[in-house]
Amino acid sequence: MAHVPQIRIAATYMRGGTSKGVFFRLQDLPAAAQSPGIARDRLLLRVIGSPDPYGKQIDGMGGATSSTSKTVIIAKSSRPDHDVDYLFGQVSIDKALVDWSGNCGNLSAAVGPFAISAGLVDASRIPHDGVAVVRIWQANIGKTIISHVPITNGAVQETGDFELDGVTFPAAEVQLEFMDPAAEEDGAGGAMFPTGNLVDDLEVPGIGVLKATMINAGIPTIFVDAEAIGYQGTELQDAINGDDKALAKFETIRAHGALRMGLIKHLDEIATRQHTPKVAFVAKPRGYVASSGKQVAAGDVDLLVRAMSMGKLHHAMMGTAAVAIGTAAAIPGTLVNLAAGGGEREAVRFGHPSGTLRVGAQASQIDGEWAVKKAIMSRSARVLMEGWIRVPGDTF
């Protein structure tokens, strides 16, 4: 019986923040996959093990969750004042779909370390000891990320004592600056609030009219009050992910919010846009027990936030959604700001299913429009495995 041999492709499996993904240098991909298109998508789907009707991704590198079904392509940047271009592909678990519509803030923490180790950053920019500043062009959304990567003896430092809720072991801290998180690629300045309002009345069939803050910062996100949809903001994954009616409700909110934000033109388009926008619900502080068993007291946080990703409640918080939370919290009058107690603030600590996270953002009004110069948060990253990915030769 004739068979097609496997091919191998240089790749690195990395954790970034509370996510994991397969990282490639653009130059290492097969020629047909070095450009956007069907061949690239088919390759990445096969690498991750999708689509998988069993929902386990057993025959690939995916981990059967939205946090572990991710791919990254990195290349030297030709843009002025940037070191690398970073392209993120969110791979659906059960569908033949790679969603390129947004960034992954968690894996953003691994881009700088990967780029340095892969020889994509000019050696003159890397100190023998200290912090390397890697200038990243986030190609999905046309935004700049500045990564501060610790360097020891001329190499990326991965171990350390920085602890991140949602990650079991400590590691070295990587600070990220998301520059002009609501700006468009052309630099003209995007609409942070696509509807023009800090809070909208969003009509959702089967639910009614919901107050919603719809913001484009970090990633397009629809914020609603937890109580308005029957929750307290202390929920863990099992409370929602096993409830088909709840999941359908969140998807309906997401679809109608996306339409209102102008991200889709027709409701049925949401099926091919799984990664964005996100839906999150917020609540005022109260104590709860995190998924690790850690006790989070009401006094430990400014507010509670739970967020949906790829149709499920996220186990911690997406990095890009954290940018949206920090940005919205800095703007008086948004639902996020009100849940945190209102008023002006430059940083917020919020509770999520795995614990707490602090994110900072400075907001100001320019000609009556809200603007945020940058949002800042810390993550960590680590190489888990490096070598070659193997896929059947007829994959693409």
Protein backbone atom coordinates (compact mmCIF):
# COMPACT_ATOMS: atom_id res chain seq x y z
CA MET A 1 0.00 0.00 0.00
CA ALA A 2 1.39 3.40 -1.02
CA HIS A 3 1.90 5.88 1.74
CA VAL A 4 2.96 9.50 2.09
CA PRO A 5 5.97 10.00 4.37
CA GLN A 6 5.92 12.68 7.04
CA ILE A 7 7.83 15.92 6.67
CA ARG A 8 9.46 17.76 9.53
CA ILE A 9 9.43 21.48 10.26
CA ALA A 10 11.59 23.30 12.81
CA ALA A 11 9.40 24.53 15.67
CA THR A 12 9.39 25.44 19.35
CA TYR A 13 6.67 24.63 21.85
CA MET A 14 6.37 27.47 24.37
CA ARG A 15 4.34 28.62 27.30
CA GLY A 16 3.53 32.30 27.35
CA GLY A 17 1.52 33.57 30.30
CA THR A 18 -1.34 31.12 30.87
CA SER A 19 -1.29 29.80 27.28
CA LYS A 20 0.82 27.38 25.23
CA GLY A 21 1.49 27.37 21.51
CA VAL A 22 3.68 26.14 18.67
CA PHE A 23 6.11 28.81 17.45
CA PHE A 24 7.64 28.91 13.96
CA ARG A 25 10.10 31.16 12.21
CA LEU A 26 8.46 32.19 8.94
CA GLN A 27 11.55 31.09 7.02
CA ASP A 28 11.26 27.56 8.41
CA LEU A 29 7.76 26.95 7.08
CA PRO A 30 7.33 25.06 3.78
CA ALA A 31 7.26 27.49 0.85
CA ALA A 32 3.53 27.02 0.27
CA ALA A 33 2.81 28.01 3.89
CA GLN A 34 5.02 31.07 4.02
CA SER A 35 2.16 33.16 2.65
CA PRO A 36 -1.36 33.47 4.07
CA GLY A 37 -3.87 31.07 2.58
CA ILE A 38 -5.32 27.59 2.54
CA ALA A 39 -1.96 25.79 2.62
CA ARG A 40 -0.87 27.63 5.77
CA ASP A 41 -4.19 27.03 7.50
CA ARG A 42 -4.19 23.33 6.64
CA LEU A 43 -0.65 22.95 7.92
CA LEU A 44 -1.40 24.63 11.25
CA LEU A 45 -4.62 22.69 11.70
CA ARG A 46 -2.71 19.42 11.23
CA VAL A 47 0.08 20.54 13.57
CA ILE A 48 -2.43 21.23 16.34
CA GLY A 49 -4.63 18.20 15.57
CA SER A 50 -7.80 19.88 14.32
CA PRO A 51 -10.57 19.54 13.43
CA ASP A 52 -11.19 16.85 16.02
CA PRO A 53 -14.79 15.69 16.51
CA TYR A 54 -13.69 14.06 19.77
CA GLY A 55 -12.54 17.45 21.05
CA LYS A 56 -9.21 16.10 22.38
CA GLN A 57 -6.63 16.96 19.67
CA ILE A 58 -4.92 13.64 20.39
CA ASP A 59 -3.22 13.54 16.97
CA GLY A 60 -1.56 16.93 17.32
CA MET A 61 0.10 19.41 19.66
CA GLY A 62 -3.10 21.03 20.87
CA GLY A 63 -4.30 20.56 24.43
CA ALA A 64 -8.06 20.56 23.80
CA THR A 65 -8.61 24.04 25.26
CA SER A 66 -8.60 27.50 23.72
CA SER A 67 -5.47 28.29 25.79
CA THR A 68 -3.50 25.44 24.21
CA SER A 69 -4.77 25.45 20.62
CA LYS A 70 -2.53 28.22 19.36
CA THR A 71 0.15 28.87 16.72
CA VAL A 72 2.63 31.71 16.21
CA ILE A 73 4.70 32.77 13.21
CA ILE A 74 7.64 35.14 13.76
CA ALA A 75 9.78 36.93 11.14
CA LYS A 76 12.32 39.72 11.07
CA SER A 77 10.51 43.00 10.64
CA SER A 78 11.04 45.39 7.76
CA ARG A 79 9.14 48.09 9.64
CA PRO A 80 11.13 51.00 11.06
CA ASP A 81 11.82 50.75 14.80
CA HIS A 82 10.59 47.16 15.03
CA ASP A 83 12.59 43.97 15.48
CA VAL A 84 10.09 41.26 14.56
CA ASP A 85 6.65 40.72 13.09
CA TYR A 86 4.38 38.49 15.15
CA LEU A 87 1.39 36.69 13.63
CA PHE A 88 -0.99 34.69 15.81
CA GLY A 89 -3.36 31.93 14.68
CA GLN A 90 -6.07 30.68 17.04
CA VAL A 91 -6.90 27.14 15.93
CA SER A 92 -10.43 25.87 16.43
CA ILE A 93 -10.63 22.52 18.19
CA ASP A 94 -13.59 20.95 16.40
CA LYS A 95 -13.75 22.99 13.19
CA ALA A 96 -11.39 23.39 10.22
CA LEU A 97 -10.77 27.02 11.10
CA VAL A 98 -7.75 29.14 11.97
CA ASP A 99 -8.90 32.52 13.26
CA TRP A 100 -6.48 35.36 12.42
CA SER A 101 -8.73 38.18 13.68
CA GLY A 102 -6.94 38.98 16.93
CA ASN A 103 -3.86 38.73 19.09
CA CYS A 104 -3.00 36.47 22.02
CA GLY A 105 -1.76 38.63 24.88
CA ASN A 106 -0.46 35.66 26.84
CA LEU A 107 1.68 34.29 24.02
CA SER A 108 2.89 37.85 23.39
CA ALA A 109 5.10 37.26 26.44
CA ALA A 110 6.89 34.44 24.62
CA VAL A 111 7.50 36.35 21.38
CA GLY A 112 10.48 38.38 22.63
CA PRO A 113 12.26 35.39 24.21
CA PHE A 114 11.63 33.26 21.12
CA ALA A 115 12.81 35.99 18.74
CA ILE A 116 16.06 36.45 20.65
CA SER A 117 16.78 32.72 20.91
CA ALA A 118 15.89 32.19 17.25
CA GLY A 119 18.40 34.82 16.08
CA LEU A 120 15.77 37.24 14.81
CA VAL A 121 16.88 40.18 16.98
CA ASP A 122 20.08 42.07 16.13
CA ALA A 123 22.83 40.96 18.52
CA SER A 124 23.72 44.59 19.24
CA ARG A 125 20.35 45.01 20.96
CA ILE A 126 20.96 42.19 23.44
CA PRO A 127 22.98 42.97 26.58
CA HIS A 128 25.23 40.38 28.20
CA ASP A 129 23.28 40.91 31.42
CA GLY A 130 20.22 43.06 31.94
CA VAL A 131 17.02 43.53 29.97
CA ALA A 132 16.63 43.32 26.19
CA VAL A 133 13.92 45.53 24.73
CA VAL A 134 12.26 43.74 21.81
CA ARG A 135 10.04 45.86 19.55
CA ILE A 136 7.23 43.67 18.21
CA TRP A 137 4.83 44.43 15.39
CA GLN A 138 1.60 42.56 16.09
CA ALA A 139 0.57 41.82 12.52
CA ASN A 140 -2.98 40.57 13.18
CA ILE A 141 -4.16 43.91 14.53
CA GLY A 142 -1.44 46.32 13.42
CA LYS A 143 -0.19 47.35 16.85
CA THR A 144 3.15 47.61 18.62
CA ILE A 145 4.13 45.61 21.69
CA ILE A 146 7.31 46.37 23.63
CA SER A 147 8.69 43.31 25.43
CA HIS A 148 11.24 43.60 28.23
CA VAL A 149 13.12 40.29 28.29
CA PRO A 150 15.59 39.46 31.10
CA ILE A 151 19.02 38.39 29.85
CA THR A 152 21.70 36.53 31.83
CA ASN A 153 25.11 35.66 30.36
CA GLY A 154 23.91 36.71 26.92
CA ALA A 155 20.94 34.32 26.88
CA VAL A 156 17.26 34.63 27.67
CA GLN A 157 16.59 34.05 31.35
CA GLU A 158 13.58 31.78 31.76
CA THR A 159 13.71 30.76 35.41
CA GLY A 160 13.01 33.12 38.27
CA ASP A 161 10.70 33.86 41.18
CA PHE A 162 7.89 35.72 39.40
CA GLU A 163 4.57 34.04 40.16
CA LEU A 164 1.56 34.27 37.86
CA ASP A 165 -1.83 32.95 38.97
CA GLY A 166 -2.87 30.24 36.55
CA VAL A 167 0.72 29.00 36.10
CA THR A 168 1.94 26.36 38.56
CA PHE A 169 5.64 27.19 38.72
CA PRO A 170 7.48 30.54 39.07
CA ALA A 171 9.60 31.89 36.21
CA ALA A 172 11.35 35.05 35.02
CA GLU A 173 9.18 38.14 34.66
CA VAL A 174 8.57 39.56 31.17
CA GLN A 175 6.99 43.01 31.18
CA LEU A 176 4.83 43.92 28.20
CA GLU A 177 3.76 47.34 26.99
CA PHE A 178 0.82 47.34 24.59
CA MET A 179 1.22 50.64 22.77
CA ASP A 180 -1.81 52.68 21.66
CA PRO A 181 -4.03 49.64 22.25
CA ALA A 182 -6.98 51.17 20.40
CA ALA A 183 -5.02 52.66 17.47
CA GLU A 184 -5.49 51.37 13.95
CA GLU A 185 -2.65 50.22 11.73
CA ASP A 186 -2.57 53.46 9.76
CA GLY A 187 -1.90 55.36 12.98
CA ALA A 188 -4.95 57.54 12.46
CA GLY A 189 -6.46 56.32 15.71
CA GLY A 190 -9.16 53.69 15.90
CA ALA A 191 -12.45 53.96 17.72
CA MET A 192 -11.85 52.72 21.24
CA PHE A 193 -15.62 52.72 21.70
CA PRO A 194 -17.02 51.69 18.29
CA THR A 195 -20.56 52.79 19.19
CA GLY A 196 -19.37 56.13 20.54
CA ASN A 197 -20.74 55.32 24.00
CA LEU A 198 -19.12 54.18 27.24
CA VAL A 199 -22.23 52.13 28.00
CA ASP A 200 -24.84 50.92 25.52
CA ASP A 201 -28.23 49.26 25.72
CA LEU A 202 -27.64 46.00 23.86
CA GLU A 203 -30.79 44.12 22.90
CA VAL A 204 -30.21 40.37 23.00
CA PRO A 205 -32.97 37.93 21.97
CA GLY A 206 -34.01 35.67 24.83
CA ILE A 207 -32.35 37.92 27.40
CA GLY A 208 -33.65 41.42 26.82
CA VAL A 209 -31.77 44.70 27.01
CA LEU A 210 -28.34 44.50 28.63
CA LYS A 211 -26.12 47.36 29.68
CA ALA A 212 -22.82 46.77 27.88
CA THR A 213 -19.44 48.45 27.53
CA MET A 214 -18.07 47.56 24.11
CA ILE A 215 -14.42 48.47 23.78
CA ASN A 216 -11.65 47.92 21.25
CA ALA A 217 -8.45 47.87 23.29
CA GLY A 218 -6.11 44.90 23.32
CA ILE A 219 -8.92 42.88 21.77
CA PRO A 220 -12.53 43.80 21.01
CA THR A 221 -14.44 42.99 24.20
CA ILE A 222 -18.07 43.17 25.32
CA PHE A 223 -18.40 43.76 29.07
CA VAL A 224 -21.70 43.13 30.88
CA ASP A 225 -22.66 43.10 34.56
CA ALA A 226 -22.57 39.64 36.14
CA GLU A 227 -25.83 40.12 38.04
CA ALA A 228 -27.68 41.13 34.86
CA ILE A 229 -27.09 37.66 33.41
CA GLY A 230 -27.56 35.70 36.63
CA TYR A 231 -24.00 35.38 37.94
CA GLN A 232 -21.92 36.70 40.86
CA GLY A 233 -18.54 37.03 39.15
CA THR A 234 -17.02 34.33 41.38
CA GLU A 235 -17.77 31.45 39.00
CA LEU A 236 -15.17 28.88 37.98
CA GLN A 237 -15.12 26.94 34.71
CA ASP A 238 -17.35 24.07 35.82
CA ALA A 239 -20.19 26.44 36.67
CA ILE A 240 -20.52 27.53 33.05
CA ASN A 241 -18.71 25.20 30.67
CA GLY A 242 -20.99 22.27 31.46
CA ASP A 243 -24.12 24.35 30.92
CA ASP A 244 -25.10 24.30 27.24
CA LYS A 245 -27.82 26.92 27.77
CA ALA A 246 -25.32 29.29 29.38
CA LEU A 247 -22.81 28.81 26.58
CA ALA A 248 -25.50 29.49 23.98
CA LYS A 249 -26.51 32.64 25.89
CA PHE A 250 -22.96 33.96 25.85
CA GLU A 251 -22.61 33.22 22.15
CA THR A 252 -25.83 35.11 21.45
CA ILE A 253 -24.51 38.10 23.42
CA ARG A 254 -21.23 37.87 21.52
CA ALA A 255 -22.94 37.76 18.12
CA HIS A 256 -25.20 40.75 18.78
CA GLY A 257 -22.34 42.70 20.35
CA ALA A 258 -20.12 41.99 17.36
CA LEU A 259 -22.83 43.26 15.05
CA ARG A 260 -23.26 46.43 17.12
CA MET A 261 -19.48 46.99 17.15
CA GLY A 262 -19.32 46.69 13.37
CA LEU A 263 -17.08 43.61 13.48
CA ILE A 264 -19.57 41.63 11.40
CA LYS A 265 -22.28 42.70 8.97
CA HIS A 266 -24.62 39.76 9.48
CA LEU A 267 -25.20 37.57 12.53
CA ASP A 268 -24.29 34.36 10.71
CA GLU A 269 -20.75 35.67 10.15
CA ILE A 270 -19.96 35.09 13.83
CA ALA A 271 -19.48 31.37 13.15
CA THR A 272 -16.26 32.12 11.25
CA ARG A 273 -15.04 34.65 13.81
CA GLN A 274 -14.55 32.61 16.97
CA HIS A 275 -11.57 34.45 18.47
CA THR A 276 -13.06 37.94 18.54
CA PRO A 277 -14.85 39.69 20.10
CA LYS A 278 -14.61 38.42 23.66
CA VAL A 279 -17.46 38.52 26.17
CA ALA A 280 -16.69 39.21 29.83
CA PHE A 281 -18.83 39.82 32.90
CA VAL A 282 -17.82 42.01 35.82
CA ALA A 283 -18.81 42.34 39.45
CA LYS A 284 -17.84 44.23 42.57
CA PRO A 285 -15.28 42.55 44.86
CA ARG A 286 -16.25 39.57 46.98
CA GLY A 287 -14.31 36.61 48.32
CA TYR A 288 -14.07 33.28 46.50
CA VAL A 289 -11.91 30.20 46.21
CA ALA A 290 -9.81 30.08 43.03
CA SER A 291 -9.49 26.92 40.94
CA SER A 292 -6.19 26.07 42.68
CA GLY A 293 -7.87 26.19 46.10
CA LYS A 294 -6.32 29.57 46.86
CA GLN A 295 -8.55 31.91 48.86
CA VAL A 296 -9.10 35.29 47.21
CA ALA A 297 -10.47 37.85 49.66
CA ALA A 298 -12.68 40.76 48.64
CA GLY A 299 -9.94 43.11 49.80
CA ASP A 300 -7.41 41.51 47.46
CA VAL A 301 -9.07 42.86 44.30
CA ASP A 302 -10.72 45.96 42.88
CA LEU A 303 -13.30 43.95 40.92
CA LEU A 304 -14.08 40.49 39.59
CA VAL A 305 -13.96 39.55 35.90
CA ARG A 306 -14.78 36.33 34.08
CA ALA A 307 -14.25 36.05 30.33
CA MET A 308 -15.28 33.70 27.55
CA SER A 309 -12.77 32.47 24.97
CA MET A 310 -13.59 30.28 21.98
CA GLY A 311 -16.99 29.46 23.43
CA LYS A 312 -15.84 28.49 26.94
CA LEU A 313 -15.16 30.26 30.22
CA HIS A 314 -11.40 30.90 30.32
CA HIS A 315 -9.44 29.25 33.12
CA ALA A 316 -7.66 32.53 33.98
CA MET A 317 -7.66 35.67 31.81
CA MET A 318 -6.58 36.24 28.24
CA GLY A 319 -3.76 38.78 28.09
CA THR A 320 -5.50 40.87 25.47
CA ALA A 321 -8.69 40.90 27.53
CA ALA A 322 -6.60 42.05 30.50
CA VAL A 323 -5.54 45.03 28.38
CA ALA A 324 -9.21 45.73 27.67
CA ILE A 325 -9.99 45.46 31.40
CA GLY A 326 -7.17 47.83 32.38
CA THR A 327 -8.14 50.31 29.70
CA ALA A 328 -11.85 50.27 30.52
CA ALA A 329 -11.11 50.51 34.24
CA ALA A 330 -9.13 53.70 33.62
CA ILE A 331 -12.09 55.43 31.95
CA PRO A 332 -14.72 56.75 34.39
CA GLY A 333 -18.23 55.54 33.61
CA THR A 334 -17.58 52.20 31.92
CA LEU A 335 -19.08 49.10 33.51
CA VAL A 336 -15.57 47.92 34.37
CA ASN A 337 -14.72 51.23 36.04
CA LEU A 338 -17.99 51.28 37.97
CA ALA A 339 -17.49 47.69 39.19
CA ALA A 340 -14.08 48.78 40.48
CA GLY A 341 -15.65 51.63 42.45
CA GLY A 342 -15.64 54.38 39.83
CA GLY A 343 -13.39 57.42 39.56
CA GLU A 344 -9.99 57.82 37.97
CA ARG A 345 -7.38 55.09 38.28
CA GLU A 346 -4.15 54.09 36.53
CA ALA A 347 -4.05 50.43 37.58
CA VAL A 348 -6.50 47.75 38.60
CA ARG A 349 -6.19 44.33 40.23
CA PHE A 350 -8.97 41.98 39.24
CA GLY A 351 -9.99 38.52 40.33
CA HIS A 352 -10.28 35.74 37.73
CA PRO A 353 -10.92 31.99 38.07
CA SER A 354 -7.25 31.20 38.80
CA GLY A 355 -6.47 34.11 41.12
CA THR A 356 -5.64 37.78 40.59
CA LEU A 357 -3.88 39.94 38.02
CA ARG A 358 -2.75 43.56 37.99
CA VAL A 359 -2.79 45.64 34.81
CA GLY A 360 -2.06 49.33 34.37
CA ALA A 361 -3.30 51.87 31.84
CA GLN A 362 -3.36 55.66 31.62
CA ALA A 363 -6.35 57.21 29.92
CA SER A 364 -6.90 60.78 28.77
CA GLN A 365 -9.38 62.70 26.69
CA ILE A 366 -8.20 64.30 23.46
CA ASP A 367 -10.73 66.47 21.63
CA GLY A 368 -13.48 64.72 23.54
CA GLU A 369 -12.30 61.21 22.61
CA TRP A 370 -10.77 58.81 25.08
CA ALA A 371 -7.23 57.62 24.34
CA VAL A 372 -4.77 55.31 26.07
CA LYS A 373 -1.09 55.60 25.27
CA LYS A 374 -0.20 52.16 26.57
CA ALA A 375 -1.29 49.35 28.84
CA ILE A 376 1.25 47.49 30.95
CA MET A 377 1.27 44.06 32.53
CA SER A 378 3.72 41.33 33.47
CA ARG A 379 3.77 37.75 32.29
CA SER A 380 6.36 34.99 32.05
CA ALA A 381 7.41 32.56 29.31
CA ARG A 382 9.37 29.36 28.95
CA VAL A 383 10.50 26.99 26.22
CA LEU A 384 8.87 23.60 26.79
CA MET A 385 10.28 21.73 23.79
CA GLU A 386 12.22 22.53 20.65
CA GLY A 387 13.09 20.55 17.54
CA TRP A 388 10.83 19.52 14.69
CA ILE A 389 7.10 19.18 14.21
CA ARG A 390 6.12 16.27 11.94
CA VAL A 391 3.06 16.21 9.70
CA PRO A 392 1.99 13.92 6.83
CA GLY A 393 3.48 15.14 3.55
CA ASP A 394 0.07 15.55 1.90
CA THR A 395 -1.26 17.81 4.67
CA PHE A 396 -1.21 20.88 2.47
